[in-house]
Protein backbone atom coordinates (compact mmCIF):
# COMPACT_ATOMS: atom_id res chain seq x y z
CA MET A 1 -13.54 35.54 -0.70
CA THR A 2 -11.75 35.14 2.61
CA GLY A 3 -10.99 32.09 4.64
CA LYS A 4 -11.31 31.52 8.35
CA VAL A 5 -8.79 30.81 11.08
CA TYR A 6 -9.45 28.42 13.94
CA LEU A 7 -7.21 28.99 16.95
CA VAL A 8 -7.24 25.45 18.33
CA GLY A 9 -5.83 24.21 21.61
CA ALA A 10 -4.09 20.88 20.97
CA GLY A 11 -4.01 20.01 24.65
CA PRO A 12 -0.91 19.33 26.74
CA GLY A 13 0.64 16.48 24.74
CA ASP A 14 -1.46 13.34 24.95
CA PRO A 15 -3.08 13.38 21.48
CA GLY A 16 -6.33 12.06 22.95
CA LEU A 17 -6.86 15.22 24.99
CA ILE A 18 -7.73 17.43 22.03
CA THR A 19 -11.40 18.39 22.01
CA VAL A 20 -13.92 16.94 19.57
CA LYS A 21 -14.36 20.38 18.03
CA GLY A 22 -10.61 20.81 17.68
CA MET A 23 -10.31 17.47 15.89
CA GLN A 24 -13.15 18.41 13.57
CA ALA A 25 -11.33 21.62 12.65
CA LEU A 26 -8.19 19.62 11.80
CA GLN A 27 -10.18 17.23 9.61
CA GLU A 28 -11.49 20.16 7.55
CA ALA A 29 -8.28 22.21 7.42
CA GLN A 30 -6.55 23.34 4.24
CA VAL A 31 -3.60 24.80 6.15
CA VAL A 32 -2.30 23.82 9.60
CA VAL A 33 0.16 26.08 11.39
CA TYR A 34 1.45 24.13 14.38
CA ASP A 35 3.75 24.44 17.39
CA ARG A 36 6.63 22.40 18.84
CA LEU A 37 4.63 20.89 21.70
CA VAL A 38 2.04 19.25 19.47
CA ASP A 39 1.96 15.46 19.18
CA PRO A 40 2.48 14.49 15.50
CA ALA A 41 -0.28 11.90 15.90
CA GLN A 42 -2.84 14.71 15.82
CA LEU A 43 -1.65 15.73 12.37
CA LYS A 44 -2.76 12.35 11.00
CA ALA A 45 -6.30 13.74 11.06
CA VAL A 46 -5.38 16.48 8.58
CA PRO A 47 -6.37 15.91 4.91
CA GLN A 48 -3.44 14.68 2.82
CA ASN A 49 -3.59 17.68 0.50
CA ALA A 50 -3.46 20.21 3.35
CA GLU A 51 -0.36 22.36 3.86
CA LEU A 52 1.51 21.80 7.14
CA ILE A 53 3.62 24.69 8.42
CA PHE A 54 5.82 24.27 11.51
CA VAL A 55 6.35 27.44 13.55
CA GLY A 56 7.67 25.90 16.77
CA LYS A 57 9.40 28.07 19.31
CA ALA A 58 11.74 27.27 22.18
CA ARG A 59 13.78 29.49 24.46
CA GLY A 60 16.60 31.00 22.43
CA ARG A 61 15.40 29.76 19.05
CA GLN A 62 12.28 29.96 16.96
CA GLN A 63 11.16 29.02 13.49
CA LEU A 64 9.25 32.28 12.98
CA THR A 65 8.86 35.35 15.19
CA GLN A 66 5.40 36.01 16.59
CA PRO A 67 4.74 38.96 14.22
CA LYS A 68 5.63 36.71 11.28
CA ILE A 69 3.28 34.00 12.56
CA ASN A 70 0.52 36.61 12.82
CA GLN A 71 1.18 37.71 9.25
CA LEU A 72 1.26 34.10 8.03
CA LEU A 73 -2.23 33.53 9.41
CA VAL A 74 -3.44 36.74 7.82
CA ASP A 75 -1.93 35.83 4.44
CA LYS A 76 -3.35 32.30 4.33
CA ALA A 77 -6.83 33.38 5.41
CA SER A 78 -6.75 36.22 2.88
CA GLN A 79 -6.23 33.58 0.18
CA GLY A 80 -9.61 32.09 1.05
CA LEU A 81 -8.16 29.11 2.90
CA ASN A 82 -9.48 27.30 5.95
CA VAL A 83 -6.63 27.63 8.47
CA VAL A 84 -6.04 25.86 11.77
CA ARG A 85 -3.55 27.42 14.16
CA LEU A 86 -2.75 24.41 16.34
CA LYS A 87 -1.26 25.48 19.66
CA GLY A 88 -0.07 23.39 22.58
CA GLY A 89 -2.36 23.52 25.62
CA ASP A 90 -4.93 26.31 25.39
CA PRO A 91 -4.58 29.23 22.94
CA PHE A 92 -5.24 31.81 25.65
CA VAL A 93 -3.10 30.36 28.47
CA PHE A 94 0.32 31.88 27.77
CA GLY A 95 -0.17 30.79 24.17
CA ARG A 96 -0.22 34.29 22.59
CA GLY A 97 -3.49 33.34 20.97
CA GLY A 98 -4.88 36.74 21.90
CA GLU A 99 -2.21 38.45 19.81
CA GLU A 100 -3.02 36.27 16.81
CA ALA A 101 -6.75 36.91 17.18
CA LEU A 102 -6.17 40.67 17.36
CA ALA A 103 -4.08 40.54 14.18
CA LEU A 104 -6.88 38.71 12.38
CA LYS A 105 -9.49 41.17 13.65
CA ALA A 106 -7.37 44.13 12.55
CA ASN A 107 -7.38 42.70 9.03
CA GLY A 108 -11.10 41.99 9.01
CA LEU A 109 -10.66 38.22 8.92
CA PRO A 110 -13.03 35.80 10.67
CA TYR A 111 -11.68 33.54 13.39
CA GLU A 112 -12.90 31.13 16.02
CA ILE A 113 -11.36 30.11 19.33
CA VAL A 114 -11.39 26.39 20.19
CA PRO A 115 -10.20 26.06 23.80
CA GLY A 116 -7.80 23.30 24.77
CA VAL A 117 -6.84 21.47 27.95
CA THR A 118 -4.06 23.44 29.59
CA SER A 119 -0.97 21.67 30.84
CA ALA A 120 -1.27 23.62 34.08
CA ILE A 121 -4.10 21.27 35.06
CA ALA A 122 -3.57 18.20 32.87
CA ALA A 123 0.12 17.60 33.61
CA LEU A 124 -0.62 17.73 37.32
CA ALA A 125 -3.55 15.33 36.92
CA TYR A 126 -1.36 12.85 35.03
CA ALA A 127 1.18 13.11 37.84
CA GLY A 128 -1.53 12.32 40.39
CA ILE A 129 -1.59 15.88 41.80
CA PRO A 130 -5.01 17.58 41.90
CA ILE A 131 -4.64 21.31 41.43
CA THR A 132 -7.30 21.80 44.13
CA HIS A 133 -8.46 19.50 46.90
CA ARG A 134 -11.06 20.04 49.58
CA GLY A 135 -9.44 20.85 52.88
CA VAL A 136 -6.00 21.24 51.30
CA SER A 137 -6.20 23.93 48.62
CA THR A 138 -9.25 25.80 47.38
CA THR A 139 -7.43 28.29 45.15
CA PHE A 140 -4.77 28.04 42.47
CA THR A 141 -2.62 30.47 40.55
CA VAL A 142 -0.92 29.84 37.23
CA VAL A 143 1.99 32.08 36.33
CA SER A 144 4.54 32.29 33.56
CA GLY A 145 8.08 31.65 34.69
CA SER A 146 9.65 33.11 31.58
CA GLU A 147 10.44 36.43 33.26
CA ASP A 148 13.08 36.99 35.94
CA PRO A 149 11.33 37.44 39.31
CA SER A 150 14.22 39.53 40.60
CA LYS A 151 13.50 42.28 38.07
CA PRO A 152 11.90 45.33 39.75
CA GLU A 153 9.34 45.62 36.96
CA SER A 154 8.01 42.07 37.37
CA THR A 155 4.22 42.04 37.01
CA ILE A 156 3.82 38.87 39.11
CA PRO A 157 3.05 39.54 42.80
CA TRP A 158 5.52 37.02 44.20
CA ASP A 159 5.15 38.48 47.70
CA VAL A 160 1.42 37.68 47.66
CA LEU A 161 1.87 34.24 46.12
CA ALA A 162 4.39 33.31 48.79
CA LYS A 163 1.74 33.75 51.47
CA ASN A 164 -1.67 32.91 49.96
CA GLY A 165 -1.56 29.19 50.79
CA GLY A 166 -3.10 27.97 47.54
CA THR A 167 -1.55 25.92 44.76
CA LEU A 168 1.02 27.69 42.61
CA VAL A 169 1.77 26.40 39.12
CA VAL A 170 4.69 27.82 37.16
CA LEU A 171 4.80 27.26 33.40
CA MET A 172 7.90 27.81 31.26
CA GLY A 173 10.00 28.40 34.36
CA TRP A 174 12.79 25.85 34.27
CA LYS A 175 15.56 28.30 33.38
CA SER A 176 14.51 30.85 36.00
CA LEU A 177 13.38 28.33 38.65
CA GLU A 178 16.25 29.01 41.03
CA ASN A 179 15.36 32.72 41.21
CA ILE A 180 11.65 31.94 41.51
CA LEU A 181 12.16 29.59 44.46
CA ASP A 182 14.56 32.00 46.17
CA THR A 183 12.08 34.85 45.73
CA LEU A 184 9.22 32.82 47.20
CA GLU A 185 11.30 31.83 50.21
CA LYS A 186 12.52 35.39 50.79
CA ASN A 187 8.92 36.55 50.72
CA GLY A 188 7.88 34.20 53.48
CA MET A 189 7.14 30.80 51.95
CA SER A 190 8.43 28.01 54.16
CA HIS A 191 11.33 26.06 52.69
CA THR A 192 9.47 22.85 53.58
CA THR A 193 6.55 23.67 51.29
CA PRO A 194 5.98 20.62 49.04
CA ALA A 195 6.93 21.02 45.39
CA ALA A 196 6.96 18.85 42.29
CA LEU A 197 8.43 19.04 38.81
CA VAL A 198 6.61 17.42 35.90
CA GLN A 199 8.56 17.06 32.67
CA TRP A 200 6.72 16.34 29.40
CA GLY A 201 3.41 16.16 31.24
CA THR A 202 0.85 13.72 29.71
CA TRP A 203 3.42 12.44 27.19
CA SER A 204 4.53 8.81 27.30
CA ASP A 205 7.95 9.84 28.61
CA GLN A 206 6.57 11.99 31.42
CA LYS A 207 8.84 12.22 34.46
CA THR A 208 7.86 13.53 37.90
CA VAL A 209 10.12 14.54 40.79
CA THR A 210 8.84 15.59 44.22
CA GLY A 211 10.45 17.41 47.12
CA ASN A 212 10.16 20.88 48.67
CA ILE A 213 11.08 24.35 47.48
CA LYS A 214 14.49 24.04 49.11
CA ASN A 215 15.64 20.86 47.38
CA ILE A 216 13.39 20.43 44.35
CA LEU A 217 15.74 22.14 41.89
CA LYS A 218 18.66 19.91 42.87
CA LEU A 219 16.46 16.82 42.77
CA GLY A 220 15.21 17.75 39.31
CA THR A 221 18.71 18.49 38.03
CA ASP A 222 20.02 15.20 39.44
CA ALA A 223 17.14 13.40 37.68
CA GLY A 224 18.24 14.92 34.36
CA LEU A 225 15.17 17.06 33.83
CA THR A 226 15.22 19.64 31.05
CA ALA A 227 12.51 21.87 29.60
CA PRO A 228 9.59 21.59 29.20
CA VAL A 229 8.98 21.33 32.94
CA ILE A 230 5.99 22.45 34.99
CA THR A 231 6.52 23.35 38.63
CA VAL A 232 3.72 22.88 41.17
CA ILE A 233 4.04 24.19 44.70
CA GLY A 234 1.67 23.52 47.56
CA GLU A 235 0.25 20.92 49.92
CA VAL A 236 -1.57 19.14 47.06
CA VAL A 237 1.80 17.68 46.01
CA LYS A 238 1.57 15.27 48.96
CA LEU A 239 -1.47 13.60 47.35
CA ARG A 240 0.70 12.19 44.56
CA GLU A 241 1.78 9.35 46.84
CA ASP A 242 -1.79 8.02 46.83
CA LEU A 243 -3.10 9.30 43.50
CA SER A 244 -0.30 8.62 41.00
CA TRP A 245 -1.60 6.42 38.15
CA PHE A 246 -0.15 7.44 34.80
CA ASP A 247 3.40 6.37 35.55
CA LYS A 248 2.25 3.27 37.45
CA ARG A 249 0.99 1.46 34.38
CA PRO A 250 2.88 -1.78 33.59
CA LEU A 251 4.59 -0.64 30.39
CA PHE A 252 5.15 2.99 31.39
CA GLY A 253 8.31 4.42 29.88
CA LYS A 254 9.02 1.36 27.74
CA ARG A 255 9.93 2.14 24.14
CA VAL A 256 8.20 -0.57 22.14
CA LEU A 257 8.86 -1.26 18.47
CA ASN A 258 5.67 -2.03 16.55
CA THR A 259 6.67 -3.94 13.40
CA ARG A 260 3.10 -4.53 12.20
CA SER A 261 2.12 -3.27 8.74
CA ARG A 262 1.06 0.38 8.66
CA SER A 263 -2.53 -0.51 7.74
CA GLN A 264 -2.79 -2.75 10.81
CA ALA A 265 -0.55 -0.92 13.28
CA SER A 266 -3.09 1.45 14.84
CA GLN A 267 -4.80 -1.12 17.06
CA LEU A 268 -1.51 -2.34 18.49
CA GLN A 269 -0.33 1.25 18.93
CA THR A 270 -3.47 2.14 20.89
CA LEU A 271 -3.26 -0.91 23.16
CA LEU A 272 0.41 -0.27 23.90
CA GLU A 273 -0.26 3.38 24.71
CA GLN A 274 -3.09 2.41 27.05
CA ALA A 275 -0.66 0.14 28.88
CA GLY A 276 1.72 3.08 29.32
CA ALA A 277 4.24 2.28 26.61
CA ASN A 278 5.89 4.68 24.20
CA PRO A 279 5.27 2.77 20.95
CA LEU A 280 7.31 3.44 17.84
CA GLU A 281 5.61 2.46 14.61
CA LEU A 282 8.11 0.92 12.20
CA PRO A 283 6.26 -1.28 9.70
CA THR A 284 8.52 -4.00 8.35
CA ILE A 285 5.87 -5.17 5.87
CA GLU A 286 3.07 -3.60 3.91
CA ILE A 287 -0.05 -5.36 2.75
CA GLY A 288 -0.23 -4.92 -1.00
CA PRO A 289 -2.51 -6.08 -3.81
CA LEU A 290 -1.53 -8.93 -6.08
CA LEU A 291 0.32 -7.96 -9.23
CA ASP A 292 -1.95 -10.30 -11.19
CA PHE A 293 -5.52 -11.11 -10.08
CA THR A 294 -6.19 -13.60 -12.84
CA GLU A 295 -6.02 -16.74 -10.69
CA LEU A 296 -7.87 -15.21 -7.75
CA ASP A 297 -10.69 -13.85 -9.93
CA ALA A 298 -11.04 -17.11 -11.84
CA THR A 299 -11.20 -19.08 -8.60
CA LEU A 300 -13.88 -16.80 -7.15
CA GLU A 301 -15.94 -17.36 -10.31
CA ARG A 302 -15.87 -21.08 -9.44
CA LEU A 303 -16.77 -20.85 -5.74
CA ALA A 304 -19.52 -23.43 -6.34
CA ASP A 305 -16.76 -26.05 -6.64
CA TYR A 306 -15.78 -25.68 -2.97
CA LYS A 307 -17.47 -27.01 0.15
CA TRP A 308 -15.14 -25.24 2.60
CA VAL A 309 -13.59 -21.76 2.47
CA ILE A 310 -11.02 -21.19 5.23
CA PHE A 311 -9.70 -17.63 5.47
CA ALA A 312 -6.13 -17.51 6.78
CA SER A 313 -6.24 -13.86 7.89
CA ALA A 314 -8.33 -10.71 8.04
CA ASN A 315 -6.34 -9.42 5.06
CA ALA A 316 -7.50 -12.42 3.05
CA VAL A 317 -11.10 -11.56 3.92
CA GLU A 318 -10.62 -7.95 2.78
CA SER A 319 -9.02 -8.95 -0.51
CA VAL A 320 -11.56 -11.65 -1.40
CA PHE A 321 -14.52 -9.37 -0.79
CA GLU A 322 -12.95 -6.55 -2.79
CA ARG A 323 -12.65 -8.88 -5.79
CA LEU A 324 -16.16 -10.26 -5.26
CA LYS A 325 -17.51 -6.71 -5.32
CA LEU A 326 -15.78 -6.06 -8.64
CA GLN A 327 -17.53 -9.15 -9.97
CA GLY A 328 -20.88 -7.73 -8.84
CA LYS A 329 -21.18 -10.23 -5.98
CA ASP A 330 -21.52 -10.03 -2.21
CA THR A 331 -21.72 -12.34 0.80
CA ARG A 332 -24.31 -14.48 -0.98
CA ALA A 333 -21.47 -15.88 -3.08
CA LEU A 334 -20.47 -17.85 0.03
CA ALA A 335 -23.94 -19.30 0.61
CA ASN A 336 -23.94 -23.02 1.43
CA LYS A 337 -20.19 -22.94 2.15
CA ILE A 338 -18.68 -23.98 5.47
CA ILE A 339 -16.64 -20.97 6.51
CA GLY A 340 -13.45 -21.19 8.57
CA ALA A 341 -11.57 -18.28 10.13
CA ILE A 342 -8.04 -18.66 11.45
CA GLY A 343 -8.03 -16.48 14.54
CA PRO A 344 -10.52 -14.10 16.16
CA ALA A 345 -9.41 -11.12 14.06
CA THR A 346 -10.30 -13.05 10.89
CA ALA A 347 -13.63 -14.09 12.40
CA HIS A 348 -14.31 -10.45 13.28
CA ALA A 349 -13.55 -9.34 9.71
CA LEU A 350 -16.14 -11.84 8.48
CA ALA A 351 -18.64 -10.79 11.16
CA ARG A 352 -18.45 -7.19 9.93
CA ARG A 353 -19.87 -8.53 6.68
CA GLY A 354 -22.62 -10.44 8.38
CA ILE A 355 -20.93 -13.83 8.20
CA THR A 356 -20.55 -15.97 11.30
CA ALA A 357 -17.64 -18.36 10.84
CA ASP A 358 -18.57 -22.03 11.26
CA PHE A 359 -15.08 -22.90 12.48
CA VAL A 360 -12.69 -20.79 14.53
CA PRO A 361 -9.83 -22.79 16.10
CA LYS A 362 -9.12 -22.43 19.79
CA ARG A 363 -5.46 -21.73 18.97
CA SER A 364 -4.11 -20.38 15.70
CA VAL A 365 -1.38 -22.99 15.41
CA SER A 366 -1.38 -25.36 12.44
CA SER A 367 -0.94 -28.52 14.54
CA GLU A 368 -3.77 -27.50 16.86
CA ILE A 369 -6.03 -26.48 13.97
CA LEU A 370 -5.49 -29.80 12.21
CA LYS A 371 -6.16 -31.65 15.44
CA GLU A 372 -9.54 -29.93 15.77
CA LEU A 373 -10.38 -30.57 12.12
CA SER A 374 -9.30 -34.22 12.19
CA VAL A 375 -12.64 -35.33 13.70
CA ARG A 376 -14.28 -34.62 10.34
CA ASP A 377 -14.25 -36.72 7.19
CA TRP A 378 -12.22 -34.84 4.60
CA THR A 379 -12.22 -37.48 1.88
CA GLY A 380 -12.83 -35.74 -1.45
CA VAL A 381 -13.73 -32.40 0.19
CA GLN A 382 -12.80 -29.35 -1.88
CA VAL A 383 -11.22 -26.63 0.31
CA LEU A 384 -10.33 -23.07 -0.69
CA LEU A 385 -7.70 -21.44 1.51
CA PRO A 386 -7.24 -17.71 0.70
CA ALA A 387 -3.98 -16.50 2.27
CA ALA A 388 -0.90 -14.34 1.71
CA ASP A 389 1.35 -14.89 -1.29
CA ILE A 390 4.04 -16.13 1.10
CA GLY A 391 3.65 -18.09 4.31
CA ARG A 392 3.58 -21.54 5.83
CA ASP A 393 1.65 -24.33 4.11
CA GLU A 394 1.23 -26.76 7.04
CA LEU A 395 -2.56 -26.40 7.00
CA GLU A 396 -2.70 -27.17 3.29
CA LYS A 397 -0.44 -30.23 3.70
CA GLY A 398 -2.31 -31.50 6.74
CA LEU A 399 -5.75 -31.29 5.10
CA THR A 400 -4.38 -32.92 1.98
CA GLN A 401 -3.05 -35.85 4.04
CA MET A 402 -6.53 -36.24 5.52
CA GLY A 403 -8.00 -36.61 2.03
CA ALA A 404 -9.07 -33.10 1.13
CA THR A 405 -8.33 -31.32 -2.14
CA VAL A 406 -6.91 -27.97 -1.09
CA ASN A 407 -6.36 -24.84 -3.15
CA ARG A 408 -4.11 -22.50 -1.18
CA LEU A 409 -4.76 -19.27 -3.06
CA ALA A 410 -2.75 -16.03 -2.89
CA ALA A 411 -5.19 -13.23 -2.05
CA TYR A 412 -2.70 -10.46 -1.25
CA ARG A 413 1.02 -9.75 -0.97
CA ASN A 414 3.31 -9.16 2.00
CA VAL A 415 5.66 -6.45 0.72
CA PRO A 416 8.85 -5.26 2.46
CA VAL A 417 8.77 -1.52 3.22
CA ALA A 418 11.13 0.37 0.95
CA GLY A 419 13.70 2.57 2.69
CA ALA A 420 12.81 1.37 6.18
CA GLY A 421 16.28 -0.03 6.93
CA LYS A 422 17.77 3.35 7.82
CA LEU A 423 14.82 4.15 10.09
CA ALA A 424 15.12 0.75 11.78
CA LYS A 425 18.81 1.23 12.57
CA GLN A 426 18.20 4.74 13.91
CA ALA A 427 15.37 3.46 16.12
CA PHE A 428 17.74 1.05 17.85
CA ILE A 429 20.42 3.73 18.18
CA ASP A 430 17.84 5.95 19.94
CA GLY A 431 16.90 3.04 22.19
CA ILE A 432 14.32 0.25 22.06
CA ASP A 433 13.24 -1.73 25.12
CA ILE A 434 10.74 -4.17 23.59
CA VAL A 435 10.31 -5.52 20.06
CA THR A 436 6.94 -6.98 19.10
CA PHE A 437 6.57 -9.42 16.20
CA THR A 438 3.11 -10.22 14.86
CA SER A 439 4.07 -12.53 12.01
CA SER A 440 7.01 -14.44 10.59
CA SER A 441 7.29 -11.83 7.85
CA THR A 442 7.84 -9.04 10.39
CA VAL A 443 10.69 -11.03 11.94
CA ARG A 444 12.44 -11.80 8.67
CA ASN A 445 12.05 -8.28 7.33
CA LEU A 446 13.34 -6.54 10.48
CA VAL A 447 16.39 -8.81 10.58
CA ASP A 448 17.04 -8.00 6.92
CA MET A 449 16.60 -4.27 7.60
CA LEU A 450 19.09 -4.28 10.46
CA ASP A 451 21.60 -6.29 8.43
CA THR A 452 24.97 -5.95 10.21
CA GLU A 453 23.25 -4.17 13.13
CA ARG A 454 21.07 -7.16 14.04
CA LYS A 455 23.08 -7.67 17.25
CA ARG A 456 21.16 -4.73 18.68
CA LEU A 457 18.21 -7.10 19.06
CA GLU A 458 20.16 -8.94 21.77
CA ASP A 459 19.61 -6.00 24.14
CA CYS A 460 15.84 -5.96 23.60
CA PHE A 461 12.98 -7.90 25.15
CA ILE A 462 11.42 -9.82 22.24
CA ALA A 463 7.71 -10.67 22.30
CA CYS A 464 5.98 -12.79 19.65
CA ILE A 465 2.28 -13.10 18.91
CA GLY A 466 2.40 -16.91 18.75
CA PRO A 467 4.48 -20.06 18.29
CA ILE A 468 4.87 -19.82 14.51
CA THR A 469 6.27 -16.30 14.75
CA ALA A 470 8.42 -17.34 17.71
CA ALA A 471 9.78 -20.34 15.78
CA THR A 472 10.81 -18.06 12.91
CA ALA A 473 12.57 -15.73 15.36
CA ARG A 474 14.48 -18.63 16.93
CA ASP A 475 15.38 -20.03 13.50
CA LEU A 476 16.98 -16.66 12.75
CA GLY A 477 19.01 -16.83 15.96
CA LEU A 478 16.92 -14.49 18.09
CA ARG A 479 16.13 -15.00 21.75
CA VAL A 480 12.37 -15.03 22.33
CA ASP A 481 11.45 -13.72 25.78
CA LEU A 482 7.67 -13.90 25.53
CA GLU A 483 5.13 -15.83 23.47
CA ALA A 484 1.46 -14.84 23.71
CA GLN A 485 -0.97 -17.59 24.61
CA GLU A 486 -3.78 -15.85 22.74
CA HIS A 487 -2.50 -15.23 19.23
CA THR A 488 -3.97 -11.76 18.71
CA VAL A 489 -2.65 -8.23 19.24
CA GLU A 490 -4.84 -8.05 22.35
CA GLY A 491 -3.30 -11.28 23.60
CA LEU A 492 0.20 -10.01 22.84
CA VAL A 493 -0.31 -6.80 24.82
CA ASP A 494 -2.01 -8.68 27.66
CA ALA A 495 1.01 -10.99 27.86
CA LEU A 496 3.38 -8.02 28.00
CA VAL A 497 1.28 -6.29 30.66
CA ASN A 498 1.12 -9.41 32.81
CA HIS A 499 4.85 -10.04 32.48
CA PHE A 500 5.97 -6.53 33.40
CA ALA A 501 3.27 -6.07 36.05
CA ALA A 502 4.54 -9.23 37.73
CA GLY A 503 8.06 -7.86 37.53
CA LYS A 504 7.03 -4.63 39.23
CA VAL A 505 5.27 -6.53 41.99
CA SER A 506 8.33 -8.71 42.62
CA GLN A 507 10.54 -5.60 42.78
CA THR A 508 8.35 -4.05 45.46
């Protein structure tokens, strides 16, 4: 029994640019052999029991030679395994995918090619440079810059390219760019021909420099560019002035620390990326199950005793319904109860189970919640308040003062992430522009992680999801630069976008 190899194009860097078919292959892989220019986020789709093998190559160094990579694919497929060869860009655009396919064919092994978006087009598009444009350029040529154009045996017709008037894209040509530009000029290309350099195209730290073939190398060097860099030459470069979009987003280039728990981080990560940020996921807490469910289970058996059930968070909803399911119950257990949800995310978690919350406060602040609830008569009302094992008890105290009998019940645990301190300190050494806090626990835990290095927070812009989180940050001596008006991750990102967009407008 033999396996099969899928030669998959990962796209140019942005993990969202992989094809649907390529992602499906990753989700079914038993072995993934991947390159250097592959975003690690794509590997999250791979089954946990799959084998990951890095074979990245860069000029002057490589993990495995190409013949050894070919043999690796042959060996794994011969063992009956489903193999994905994940290559940056497209497998057949200077990706040596043809060599790998020929090696598989020579050994009688089945393979399939899954094309990818090549950086030759995508990096330009993200820089606001169309590779073709009506009336400007109706042809384009993509060449490898990895060979010296001054060599007499060069297979690239530089003399023709210097005169054809179309768009010229050079991949892998940073080291030999000086010779390439000199060769083009000597063969008749005007020194005023527009040119651009795009470093890390489609990645969150993309950098673009524009000029002409006479000065572009100096401009790129002065800007600190290093490989990987794509060079584009032609009149289409001028369109960047009007069409640039990727690097115009409000949070572009900002390194943002996401301290949310790993199970909840993805939504914030996605929103930050869409706003142009380079988010770094560093969970300071994890949501964990209770060590002892005795009290929670016993309370859920007595739900008939309560008139109100107010869920403090979406995590509380998840935990309560997991325990109800183990008791053989479902949403009907909450029939005839008045249901409260603190915040839209909690209300959404209930809605996914077919429950429309009767009460959702306008603002998720205890004083505001109690103000809204104070119009009701709470005398003798039994209230169940599922929440985290740690947290503020203002809502419980306030309802009790109004006459209610409140049972604030631990439904889950907020657990510090083991071993995260070293990662936290390294993150700040590498550079963090913005720190986001989504709960008081994330503030306390990050401060504890940084320990003697907490002063590094003074150089960061600190954004909090709401006043309770902000108050905790200030109590711990931190400067809070931004407090979201809507106390959700969407509201937090919106607040950041509005703040930095306003700053860019004022600068212009």
